[in-house]
Amino acid sequence: MDRHSPGRRSELTGYIFLGISVVLALGTVFLALTDRSVADLADVDTFRSGSSDDNSVSEEFLSASLTPTATPEPQRPDLIPEDVELTARAAYVFHPESETILFEREADVPLQPASTLKIFTAMVVLDYASPTEVIEIVESDVVDPVAESHVGLAAGDLVTVQDLLVGLMLPSGNDAANALSRVIGSRIEGNDDESLQDRFIREMNRVADDLGLESTELRHPAGHDREDQSVTARELAVAAQALMERHSLLTIVAMKSAEIQVGGNNPRVIEVFNTNELLIHEDVYGIKTGTTGQAGQCLVVASREGDTTVITVILGSEDRYGDARTLLDLPDIEPETDDSGEPAPEHTEPVEEPADPVS
C-alpha cells in the first residue's frame, strides 16, 4: 500500500488521538498528586503538634533531631574539701573528661610506688608480646610465698602472657612480674653487661618518659623498694589513665577473681583474687594496690561518677581503703554471704614485699 493512501492516513490519525488521550490522562494524575503533596505539606504542623495518639512526636524530640548536636560539656563531679582527714602521705583525685583536679595533697612529692608500679610493667609487656603467647616459668621466676605476693607458679609451668598479666594485676604476683620481665627483656636491645631485667626496666622508664612523667623513676618490675625509685600521685594518675586506654588491661584490672590455666608437667587451674577490696562497689573497676615497708599502703582506683570516670591515687597510707572511701564518698559495704547466710571467705592480701626487701 502507498504510504500516502487514505487507509494509511486513517491509521495514523488513530494513533495521534490515542497519544493525546494518554497525555491528558497523565496530566490529570500529575495534578492530583501535586494537590495531595500540597495537602500533605499543610498537614506537617498537625503531625508535629502530636494530634495523633499513635504517631505523636514531641516538639523537644523534633528540635533535638533537627538541630545539629554539639558535644555536651562533661559532667564534673564536686570538688572534695581540702581539709578532709586522711592517713595518706599523698593523694590525688582527677576527672579526666573535664581535666579537673577534684583533690590534691602532696601530689608532686616523690614516694615509693610499691606494686602500683606494675601498671608500667603491664603496659611494657603488651608492647612486646601477644596475649596468647606461652611462657615457660624458670626457677629464678619463683618467689618465697611467705615473703612476697605470688600467683603460685613453679619451674616448668607453661602459662600464657594473658594469664601472667592476670596474675600480675589481680594477686599482684611477683613471680608473674619476674617471668614477664625476663622474657620481654630478652627482646630488648641492650649492652652485654645489662641484665634482662635491667633492659625491661629501661623500657618501663621509656613508657614513663613518653607520658611526660618527669618525676617518675622506676627500678624494679615488681615494685620492690629501691632508694632511687619514686612516683608522684599526680604522675601515677596519668599512667593509670594510659592503662585504661588499653582495653585488654582495663578488662583485667576490673576482675574480682579469675582462673589461671597452667600447663606443663603439673597442669592445673589456679584461682586468683583481686587484692583491691573496693571492687565490691559496683562503681569501682580498678586499678592496682601496692604495699611495701617503705611505701606503706598504696592504691590506684578507677571509679564511675554518673557517666564519667574518676581516677584516685593514694600513696603512703595507713588505711588506703578508708582514705579512698572518704575521698570518693563510698559507703561501707558488708561482706558478701554464701548460700548458707554465712560471710563468704575473706581473701586477704598477701605481703607484696618483705619490710627489708631482698634483692
Protein backbone atom coordinates (compact mmCIF):
# COMPACT_ATOMS: atom_id res chain seq x y z
CA MET A 1 0.00 0.00 0.00
CA ASP A 2 1.26 3.51 -0.79
CA ARG A 3 2.28 5.36 2.39
CA HIS A 4 0.08 8.35 1.33
CA SER A 5 -3.07 6.25 0.79
CA PRO A 6 -6.38 7.07 2.68
CA GLY A 7 -6.15 3.84 4.71
CA ARG A 8 -2.72 4.69 5.96
CA ARG A 9 -3.79 8.24 6.90
CA SER A 10 -6.73 6.87 8.89
CA GLU A 11 -4.42 4.57 10.84
CA LEU A 12 -2.06 7.45 11.64
CA THR A 13 -4.94 9.62 12.80
CA GLY A 14 -6.00 6.91 15.27
CA TYR A 15 -2.52 6.77 16.78
CA ILE A 16 -2.46 10.53 17.18
CA PHE A 17 -5.77 10.58 19.08
CA LEU A 18 -4.55 7.73 21.30
CA GLY A 19 -1.36 9.64 22.15
CA ILE A 20 -3.30 12.77 23.02
CA SER A 21 -5.57 10.77 25.34
CA VAL A 22 -2.59 9.27 27.18
CA VAL A 23 -1.00 12.69 27.67
CA LEU A 24 -4.25 14.12 29.04
CA ALA A 25 -4.65 11.21 31.43
CA LEU A 26 -1.09 11.58 32.76
CA GLY A 27 -1.64 15.29 33.26
CA THR A 28 -4.73 14.60 35.35
CA VAL A 29 -2.81 12.14 37.55
CA PHE A 30 0.05 14.63 37.97
CA LEU A 31 -2.30 17.38 39.10
CA ALA A 32 -3.94 15.05 41.60
CA LEU A 33 -0.61 14.05 43.05
CA THR A 34 0.50 17.67 43.25
CA ASP A 35 -2.64 18.61 45.13
CA ARG A 36 -2.10 15.72 47.51
CA SER A 37 1.52 16.74 48.12
CA VAL A 38 0.42 20.26 48.96
CA ALA A 39 -2.16 18.83 51.34
CA ASP A 40 0.48 16.63 52.95
CA LEU A 41 2.76 19.61 53.45
CA ALA A 42 -0.09 21.51 55.03
CA ASP A 43 -0.58 18.64 57.48
CA VAL A 44 3.03 18.62 58.72
CA ASP A 45 2.31 21.06 61.53
CA THR A 46 -0.62 18.90 62.63
CA PHE A 47 1.73 15.86 62.85
CA ARG A 48 4.35 17.81 64.77
CA SER A 49 1.84 19.02 67.30
CA GLY A 50 1.12 15.43 68.26
CA SER A 51 -2.58 15.36 67.29
CA SER A 52 -2.43 11.61 66.61
CA ASP A 53 -2.04 9.36 69.62
CA ASP A 54 -0.21 6.70 67.59
CA ASN A 55 2.25 8.96 65.81
CA SER A 56 2.73 11.85 68.20
CA VAL A 57 6.24 13.32 68.30
CA SER A 58 7.14 15.91 70.88
CA GLU A 59 8.47 19.32 69.92
CA GLU A 60 11.52 18.57 72.07
CA PHE A 61 12.26 15.43 70.07
CA LEU A 62 11.92 17.20 66.73
CA SER A 63 14.01 20.11 67.91
CA ALA A 64 16.74 17.73 69.09
CA SER A 65 16.55 15.73 65.88
CA LEU A 66 16.67 18.68 63.50
CA THR A 67 19.19 20.82 65.38
CA PRO A 68 22.89 19.92 64.97
CA THR A 69 24.03 18.27 68.19
CA ALA A 70 27.01 19.86 69.92
CA THR A 71 29.33 17.76 72.08
CA PRO A 72 27.96 18.10 75.63
CA GLU A 73 30.15 19.52 78.34
CA PRO A 74 31.43 16.70 80.58
CA GLN A 75 29.63 16.49 83.89
CA ARG A 76 32.20 17.32 86.54
CA PRO A 77 31.89 15.75 89.99
CA ASP A 78 32.01 18.03 93.01
CA LEU A 79 35.34 19.18 94.38
CA ILE A 80 36.49 17.50 97.59
CA PRO A 81 37.08 19.72 100.66
CA GLU A 82 40.77 20.49 101.14
CA ASP A 83 40.69 19.80 104.89
CA VAL A 84 39.41 16.22 104.62
CA GLU A 85 41.16 13.87 107.07
CA LEU A 86 43.40 11.21 105.52
CA THR A 87 46.17 8.91 106.69
CA ALA A 88 47.90 9.03 103.29
CA ARG A 89 51.09 10.99 102.74
CA ALA A 90 49.88 11.94 99.26
CA ALA A 91 46.57 11.80 97.43
CA TYR A 92 45.22 12.94 94.09
CA VAL A 93 41.72 12.74 92.61
CA PHE A 94 41.33 13.57 88.93
CA HIS A 95 38.41 13.82 86.50
CA PRO A 96 39.89 13.07 83.05
CA GLU A 97 36.90 14.11 80.93
CA SER A 98 36.98 17.72 82.16
CA GLU A 99 40.67 17.61 83.14
CA THR A 100 39.64 18.80 86.59
CA ILE A 101 41.60 18.15 89.77
CA LEU A 102 39.00 17.29 92.40
CA PHE A 103 41.52 16.95 95.23
CA GLU A 104 45.27 17.01 95.72
CA ARG A 105 47.54 16.73 98.71
CA GLU A 106 51.33 16.49 98.33
CA ALA A 107 50.58 15.26 94.80
CA ASP A 108 54.06 16.12 93.50
CA VAL A 109 56.10 14.61 96.33
CA PRO A 110 58.22 11.65 95.08
CA LEU A 111 57.33 8.48 97.00
CA GLN A 112 57.87 4.73 96.70
CA PRO A 113 55.18 3.16 94.49
CA ALA A 114 55.22 -0.48 95.70
CA SER A 115 53.20 -2.69 93.33
CA THR A 116 51.25 0.18 91.79
CA LEU A 117 54.36 0.33 89.59
CA LYS A 118 53.06 -2.83 87.88
CA ILE A 119 50.85 -0.51 85.83
CA PHE A 120 54.01 0.28 83.86
CA THR A 121 55.08 -3.38 83.82
CA ALA A 122 51.81 -4.43 82.18
CA MET A 123 51.99 -1.73 79.51
CA VAL A 124 55.54 -2.71 78.52
CA VAL A 125 54.53 -6.37 78.22
CA LEU A 126 51.78 -5.59 75.71
CA ASP A 127 54.26 -3.60 73.62
CA TYR A 128 56.37 -6.74 73.07
CA ALA A 129 54.18 -9.83 73.44
CA SER A 130 50.91 -11.33 72.25
CA PRO A 131 48.41 -12.30 74.97
CA THR A 132 48.24 -15.85 73.55
CA GLU A 133 51.99 -16.43 73.69
CA VAL A 134 53.02 -19.20 76.11
CA ILE A 135 55.90 -18.64 78.55
CA GLU A 136 57.76 -21.31 80.49
CA ILE A 137 58.47 -20.50 84.12
CA VAL A 138 62.06 -20.99 85.30
CA GLU A 139 63.44 -21.33 88.81
CA SER A 140 64.56 -17.70 89.01
CA ASP A 141 60.96 -16.54 88.47
CA VAL A 142 59.66 -18.31 91.58
CA VAL A 143 59.32 -16.27 94.80
CA ASP A 144 59.02 -17.02 98.51
CA PRO A 145 55.26 -17.40 99.05
CA VAL A 146 55.57 -16.25 102.66
CA ALA A 147 57.53 -13.09 101.92
CA GLU A 148 56.01 -11.91 98.64
CA SER A 149 52.68 -11.80 96.87
CA HIS A 150 52.52 -14.51 94.25
CA VAL A 151 50.43 -16.50 91.80
CA GLY A 152 51.84 -19.86 92.89
CA LEU A 153 53.94 -20.69 89.85
CA ALA A 154 56.69 -23.31 89.75
CA ALA A 155 59.59 -24.02 87.41
CA GLY A 156 58.38 -25.88 84.31
CA ASP A 157 54.89 -24.33 84.34
CA LEU A 158 53.57 -23.15 80.98
CA VAL A 159 51.36 -20.04 81.16
CA THR A 160 50.05 -17.61 78.55
CA VAL A 161 51.02 -13.95 78.64
CA GLN A 162 47.34 -13.13 79.21
CA ASP A 163 47.19 -15.29 82.34
CA LEU A 164 50.51 -13.91 83.57
CA LEU A 165 49.09 -10.40 83.23
CA VAL A 166 46.07 -11.53 85.25
CA GLY A 167 48.45 -12.93 87.86
CA LEU A 168 50.43 -9.69 87.82
CA MET A 169 47.47 -7.36 88.32
CA LEU A 170 45.00 -9.32 90.50
CA PRO A 171 47.00 -11.08 93.25
CA SER A 172 49.96 -8.79 92.45
CA GLY A 173 52.13 -11.81 91.70
CA ASN A 174 55.84 -11.05 91.81
CA ASP A 175 56.51 -14.43 90.19
CA ALA A 176 54.48 -13.26 87.19
CA ALA A 177 56.45 -9.99 87.14
CA ASN A 178 59.74 -11.90 87.16
CA ALA A 179 58.72 -14.19 84.29
CA LEU A 180 57.36 -11.41 82.12
CA SER A 181 60.32 -9.08 82.64
CA ARG A 182 62.79 -11.90 81.92
CA VAL A 183 61.18 -12.94 78.63
CA ILE A 184 60.40 -9.43 77.40
CA GLY A 185 63.84 -8.22 78.48
CA SER A 186 65.41 -10.77 76.11
CA ARG A 187 63.68 -8.99 73.20
CA ILE A 188 65.00 -5.54 74.06
CA GLU A 189 68.36 -4.48 72.71
CA GLY A 190 70.99 -3.66 75.31
CA ASN A 191 74.62 -3.86 76.34
CA ASP A 192 76.25 -7.17 77.15
CA ASP A 193 76.66 -6.14 80.78
CA GLU A 194 72.96 -5.20 81.07
CA SER A 195 70.70 -7.85 82.62
CA LEU A 196 67.40 -8.82 81.01
CA GLN A 197 65.56 -7.27 83.94
CA ASP A 198 67.53 -4.02 83.54
CA ARG A 199 66.55 -3.87 79.87
CA PHE A 200 62.92 -4.32 80.83
CA ILE A 201 63.20 -1.58 83.47
CA ARG A 202 64.66 0.73 80.86
CA GLU A 203 61.52 0.22 78.79
CA MET A 204 59.35 0.94 81.82
CA ASN A 205 61.09 4.30 82.13
CA ARG A 206 60.69 4.85 78.40
CA VAL A 207 56.92 4.48 78.83
CA ALA A 208 57.05 6.99 81.69
CA ASP A 209 59.05 9.41 79.53
CA ASP A 210 56.59 9.04 76.65
CA LEU A 211 53.80 10.01 79.05
CA GLY A 212 55.74 13.09 80.14
CA LEU A 213 56.30 11.86 83.70
CA GLU A 214 59.35 13.85 84.78
CA SER A 215 59.43 12.76 88.44
CA THR A 216 58.88 9.04 87.86
CA GLU A 217 61.93 6.77 88.31
CA LEU A 218 61.32 3.02 88.06
CA ARG A 219 63.86 0.46 89.28
CA HIS A 220 62.08 -2.90 89.65
CA PRO A 221 59.38 -4.68 87.58
CA ALA A 222 57.52 -5.84 90.69
CA GLY A 223 57.85 -2.63 92.70
CA HIS A 224 60.41 -3.65 95.30
CA ASP A 225 61.62 -0.68 97.33
CA ARG A 226 64.69 0.94 95.80
CA GLU A 227 66.49 4.01 97.08
CA ASP A 228 66.32 5.93 93.79
CA GLN A 229 62.84 4.76 92.79
CA SER A 230 59.84 7.08 93.01
CA VAL A 231 56.50 8.17 91.61
CA THR A 232 54.17 11.03 92.44
CA ALA A 233 50.43 10.76 92.96
CA ARG A 234 49.79 13.13 90.07
CA GLU A 235 52.00 11.23 87.61
CA LEU A 236 50.68 7.84 88.68
CA ALA A 237 47.19 9.07 87.76
CA VAL A 238 48.48 9.84 84.26
CA ALA A 239 49.88 6.31 83.99
CA ALA A 240 46.57 4.87 85.20
CA GLN A 241 44.72 6.80 82.52
CA ALA A 242 47.12 5.41 79.89
CA LEU A 243 46.47 1.86 81.11
CA MET A 244 42.72 2.41 80.90
CA GLU A 245 43.09 3.26 77.22
CA ARG A 246 44.28 -0.32 76.65
CA HIS A 247 41.05 -2.29 76.71
CA SER A 248 42.66 -5.66 77.44
CA LEU A 249 44.36 -4.31 80.56
CA LEU A 250 41.27 -2.42 81.71
CA THR A 251 39.31 -5.67 81.47
CA ILE A 252 41.87 -7.43 83.65
CA VAL A 253 42.06 -4.85 86.45
CA ALA A 254 38.26 -4.85 86.74
CA MET A 255 38.16 -8.59 87.50
CA LYS A 256 37.32 -9.58 91.07
CA SER A 257 38.73 -13.06 90.51
CA ALA A 258 39.96 -15.27 87.69
CA GLU A 259 41.23 -18.75 86.87
CA ILE A 260 44.74 -19.18 85.51
CA GLN A 261 45.35 -22.22 83.31
CA VAL A 262 48.74 -23.83 83.93
CA GLY A 263 50.26 -26.39 81.56
CA GLY A 264 53.49 -28.35 81.67
CA ASN A 265 54.45 -31.24 83.94
CA ASN A 266 51.91 -30.22 86.58
CA PRO A 267 48.79 -29.00 84.73
CA ARG A 268 46.29 -27.28 87.00
CA VAL A 269 43.98 -24.32 87.44
CA ILE A 270 44.94 -21.59 89.89
CA GLU A 271 42.14 -19.36 91.18
CA VAL A 272 43.34 -15.85 91.96
CA PHE A 273 41.58 -12.94 93.65
CA ASN A 274 41.99 -9.21 93.17
CA THR A 275 43.69 -7.52 96.12
CA ASN A 276 41.56 -4.40 95.52
CA GLU A 277 38.84 -4.61 98.15
CA LEU A 278 36.99 -1.63 96.69
CA LEU A 279 35.80 -3.74 93.75
CA ILE A 280 32.91 -4.73 96.00
CA HIS A 281 31.46 -1.34 94.99
CA GLU A 282 29.69 -1.56 91.64
CA ASP A 283 31.08 1.83 90.55
CA VAL A 284 34.72 0.79 91.08
CA TYR A 285 36.55 -1.04 88.28
CA GLY A 286 40.27 -0.97 89.03
CA ILE A 287 43.15 -0.48 89.15
CA LYS A 288 46.06 -1.56 91.42
CA THR A 289 47.13 -1.97 95.01
CA GLY A 290 50.63 -1.87 96.48
CA THR A 291 52.28 -2.38 99.86
CA THR A 292 55.92 -2.37 100.98
CA GLY A 293 57.78 -1.40 104.12
CA GLN A 294 58.91 1.94 102.74
CA ALA A 295 55.90 2.71 100.55
CA GLY A 296 53.20 1.92 103.07
CA GLN A 297 49.75 1.19 101.67
CA CYS A 298 49.18 2.43 98.12
CA LEU A 299 46.13 2.34 95.89
CA VAL A 300 45.10 3.47 92.41
CA VAL A 301 41.33 3.45 91.85
CA ALA A 302 39.15 3.97 88.79
CA SER A 303 35.51 4.67 89.59
CA ARG A 304 32.38 5.99 87.91
CA GLU A 305 30.66 9.23 88.83
CA GLY A 306 27.47 9.15 86.81
CA ASP A 307 28.56 8.84 83.18
CA THR A 308 32.14 9.86 83.83
CA THR A 309 35.33 8.40 85.30
CA VAL A 310 37.34 9.47 88.32
CA ILE A 311 40.92 8.35 88.98
CA THR A 312 42.11 8.34 92.59
CA VAL A 313 45.70 7.77 93.75
CA ILE A 314 46.67 7.19 97.38
CA LEU A 315 50.31 6.80 98.44
CA GLY A 316 51.93 6.17 101.82
CA SER A 317 48.67 5.44 103.60
CA GLU A 318 47.97 3.68 106.87
CA ASP A 319 44.40 2.94 105.78
CA ARG A 320 44.15 3.16 101.99
CA TYR A 321 40.59 1.85 101.76
CA GLY A 322 39.38 4.20 104.46
CA ASP A 323 41.09 7.09 102.69
CA ALA A 324 39.55 6.06 99.36
CA ARG A 325 36.06 5.81 100.84
CA THR A 326 36.48 9.27 102.33
CA LEU A 327 37.64 10.82 99.07
CA LEU A 328 35.06 9.05 96.90
CA ASP A 329 32.23 9.12 99.44
CA LEU A 330 31.86 5.35 99.25
CA PRO A 331 29.73 3.59 101.87
CA ASP A 332 30.97 0.68 103.95
CA ILE A 333 29.55 -2.50 102.43
CA GLU A 334 29.04 -5.68 104.40
CA PRO A 335 30.95 -8.74 103.11
CA GLU A 336 29.08 -10.95 100.67
CA THR A 337 27.43 -14.05 102.10
CA ASP A 338 27.21 -17.53 100.64
CA ASP A 339 24.00 -19.54 100.27
CA SER A 340 24.09 -20.53 103.94
CA GLY A 341 23.95 -16.92 105.04
CA GLU A 342 27.48 -17.09 106.44
CA PRO A 343 30.02 -14.47 105.34
CA ALA A 344 31.98 -15.53 102.29
CA PRO A 345 35.61 -16.44 102.99
CA GLU A 346 37.93 -13.46 103.04
CA HIS A 347 40.86 -13.35 100.64
CA THR A 348 43.45 -11.35 102.50
CA GLU A 349 46.16 -9.61 100.56
CA PRO A 350 49.49 -11.38 100.90
CA VAL A 351 52.60 -9.46 101.74
CA GLU A 352 53.73 -7.90 98.50
CA GLU A 353 57.25 -7.23 99.68
CA PRO A 354 59.25 -8.00 102.83
CA ALA A 355 59.87 -4.99 105.06
CA ASP A 356 63.58 -5.42 104.33
CA PRO A 357 63.49 -6.26 100.62
CA VAL A 358 65.78 -8.95 99.31
CA SER A 359 67.48 -8.09 96.01
